[in-house]
Amino acid sequence: MSVELPFAPVDAVIRRHAGSLRVSSEATEELARRIQRRGARLASEAAERATDDDRKTLRVADFDGDGSADPELPVAPVDRIARLDIDERYRVSMDARVALAGILETYAGRVAAAAAVLARHAGRRTITLADVETYFELEPYYASGGAS
């Protein structure tokens, strides 16, 4: 699976939470891949909700978002991600694309913050692929997908 999301905005999200830590390119690439998988899954779930309402257009409410996000993640690649696992008969409204980008950016920020904690705990000055992978290994142990 190719990654639709450019790495630069993902790297910017990680660095926002990294403080003085460096970020490996492998960590950025893995997080971009995970964001893409999550976005495709969320769009698929949104398409099911739209189908249940006899609609072909995905709306903000289908993503459980409020549309108030001003995401750093670019909307065009997020739109392509949204369409990975849904039928071409569906349309994705612009507000829904922006909401999905905001949801994915929040998700990426949570992962980045946790990866930074893991890197510091390991005594490293760089967030690595192992930190991102470790977050996803630990994620199932937290009911909300992240520690409070």
Protein backbone atom coordinates (compact mmCIF):
# COMPACT_ATOMS: atom_id res chain seq x y z
CA MET A 1 0.00 0.00 0.00
CA SER A 2 1.40 3.34 -1.00
CA VAL A 3 1.11 6.18 1.44
CA GLU A 4 -1.07 9.04 0.16
CA LEU A 5 -0.14 11.44 2.95
CA PRO A 6 3.03 13.52 2.46
CA PHE A 7 5.55 12.97 5.23
CA ALA A 8 6.33 16.66 5.85
CA PRO A 9 3.04 17.55 7.62
CA VAL A 10 3.20 14.31 9.62
CA ASP A 11 6.75 15.19 10.63
CA ALA A 12 5.53 18.65 11.69
CA VAL A 13 2.85 17.09 13.91
CA ILE A 14 5.42 14.81 15.55
CA ARG A 15 7.89 17.66 16.09
CA ARG A 16 5.16 19.78 17.69
CA HIS A 17 4.98 17.13 20.44
CA ALA A 18 8.67 16.14 20.46
CA GLY A 19 10.10 19.17 22.22
CA SER A 20 13.87 19.01 21.88
CA LEU A 21 13.85 15.43 20.55
CA ARG A 22 14.82 14.60 17.00
CA VAL A 23 12.52 12.49 14.82
CA SER A 24 13.65 9.62 12.61
CA SER A 25 12.27 9.42 9.09
CA GLU A 26 11.18 5.83 9.78
CA ALA A 27 9.02 7.03 12.69
CA THR A 28 7.41 9.66 10.46
CA GLU A 29 6.79 7.15 7.67
CA GLU A 30 5.22 4.61 10.04
CA LEU A 31 2.95 7.22 11.60
CA ALA A 32 1.87 8.38 8.12
CA ARG A 33 1.04 4.74 7.26
CA ARG A 34 -0.96 4.34 10.48
CA ILE A 35 -2.82 7.62 9.89
CA GLN A 36 -3.75 6.39 6.42
CA ARG A 37 -5.10 3.08 7.73
CA ARG A 38 -7.12 4.82 10.41
CA GLY A 39 -8.50 7.39 7.95
CA ALA A 40 -9.57 4.69 5.49
CA ARG A 41 -11.28 2.77 8.31
CA LEU A 42 -13.06 5.89 9.58
CA ALA A 43 -14.27 6.69 6.06
CA SER A 44 -15.53 3.16 5.61
CA GLU A 45 -17.48 3.43 8.87
CA ALA A 46 -18.80 6.85 7.76
CA ALA A 47 -19.95 5.34 4.45
CA GLU A 48 -21.89 2.71 6.38
CA ARG A 49 -23.65 5.47 8.35
CA ALA A 50 -24.43 7.35 5.14
CA THR A 51 -25.82 4.17 3.58
CA ASP A 52 -28.00 3.59 6.64
CA ASP A 53 -29.41 7.11 6.08
CA ASP A 54 -29.84 6.39 2.34
CA ARG A 55 -27.20 9.01 1.36
CA LYS A 56 -24.23 8.94 -0.99
CA THR A 57 -22.44 11.94 0.49
CA LEU A 58 -20.36 11.60 3.62
CA ARG A 59 -20.94 14.49 6.02
CA VAL A 60 -19.12 15.77 9.10
CA ALA A 61 -21.58 13.99 11.39
CA ASP A 62 -20.66 10.66 9.76
CA PHE A 63 -17.14 11.13 11.15
CA ASP A 64 -18.36 12.11 14.62
CA GLY A 65 -16.63 15.45 14.09
CA ASP A 66 -17.80 19.01 14.41
CA GLY A 67 -16.05 20.51 11.39
CA SER A 68 -14.32 23.20 13.44
CA ALA A 69 -10.80 21.91 12.84
CA ASP A 70 -8.07 23.91 11.11
CA PRO A 71 -5.75 20.98 10.46
CA GLU A 72 -2.13 21.05 9.42
CA LEU A 73 -2.62 17.81 7.48
CA PRO A 74 -3.45 18.66 3.85
CA VAL A 75 -7.06 18.02 2.84
CA ALA A 76 -6.42 16.66 -0.69
CA PRO A 77 -4.40 13.62 0.48
CA VAL A 78 -6.89 13.09 3.31
CA ASP A 79 -9.63 12.98 0.66
CA ARG A 80 -7.68 10.29 -1.23
CA ILE A 81 -7.23 8.37 2.02
CA ALA A 82 -10.97 8.60 2.69
CA ARG A 83 -11.66 7.03 -0.70
CA LEU A 84 -9.26 4.08 -0.34
CA ASP A 85 -11.81 1.61 1.06
CA ILE A 86 -15.14 3.09 -0.01
CA ASP A 87 -17.12 2.62 -3.19
CA GLU A 88 -16.73 5.30 -5.87
CA ARG A 89 -20.44 6.09 -5.67
CA TYR A 90 -19.82 7.97 -2.42
CA ARG A 91 -18.87 11.63 -2.28
CA VAL A 92 -17.07 13.24 0.63
CA SER A 93 -18.18 16.79 1.45
CA MET A 94 -15.47 19.41 1.91
CA ASP A 95 -16.48 19.91 5.54
CA ALA A 96 -16.19 16.16 6.10
CA ARG A 97 -12.70 16.12 4.56
CA VAL A 98 -11.59 18.92 6.86
CA ALA A 99 -13.19 17.19 9.87
CA LEU A 100 -11.44 13.92 8.99
CA ALA A 101 -8.11 15.74 8.64
CA GLY A 102 -8.65 17.25 12.11
CA ILE A 103 -9.55 13.86 13.61
CA LEU A 104 -6.46 12.28 12.05
CA GLU A 105 -4.24 15.12 13.22
CA THR A 106 -5.51 14.75 16.79
CA TYR A 107 -4.82 11.02 16.55
CA ALA A 108 -1.31 11.66 15.20
CA GLY A 109 -0.64 14.14 18.00
CA ARG A 110 -1.62 11.59 20.63
CA VAL A 111 0.70 9.01 19.08
CA ALA A 112 3.53 11.55 18.76
CA ALA A 113 3.23 12.68 22.38
CA ALA A 114 3.33 9.07 23.59
CA ALA A 115 6.28 8.24 21.31
CA ALA A 116 8.17 11.22 22.77
CA VAL A 117 7.56 9.89 26.30
CA LEU A 118 8.81 6.46 25.22
CA ALA A 119 11.96 7.92 23.64
CA ARG A 120 12.74 9.93 26.77
CA HIS A 121 12.08 6.89 28.95
CA ALA A 122 14.58 4.93 26.86
CA GLY A 123 17.13 7.71 27.36
CA ARG A 124 17.27 8.61 23.69
CA ARG A 125 17.26 12.00 22.02
CA THR A 126 15.46 10.73 18.92
CA ILE A 127 11.93 9.42 18.42
CA THR A 128 12.38 6.21 16.46
CA LEU A 129 10.24 3.68 14.65
CA ALA A 130 10.41 1.52 17.79
CA ASP A 131 8.69 4.28 19.82
CA VAL A 132 5.80 4.50 17.36
CA GLU A 133 5.50 0.70 17.17
CA THR A 134 5.61 0.42 20.97
CA TYR A 135 2.77 2.92 21.27
CA PHE A 136 0.61 0.72 19.04
CA GLU A 137 1.58 -2.38 21.02
CA LEU A 138 0.46 -0.65 24.23
CA GLU A 139 -2.64 1.09 22.81
CA PRO A 140 -5.02 -1.88 23.31
CA TYR A 141 -4.37 -1.74 27.06
CA TYR A 142 -5.99 1.70 27.32
CA ALA A 143 -9.76 1.92 26.96
CA SER A 144 -9.74 5.32 25.26
CA GLY A 145 -6.77 4.60 22.97
CA GLY A 146 -4.47 6.66 25.17
CA ALA A 147 -3.69 7.17 28.81
CA SER A 148 -5.42 9.95 30.69
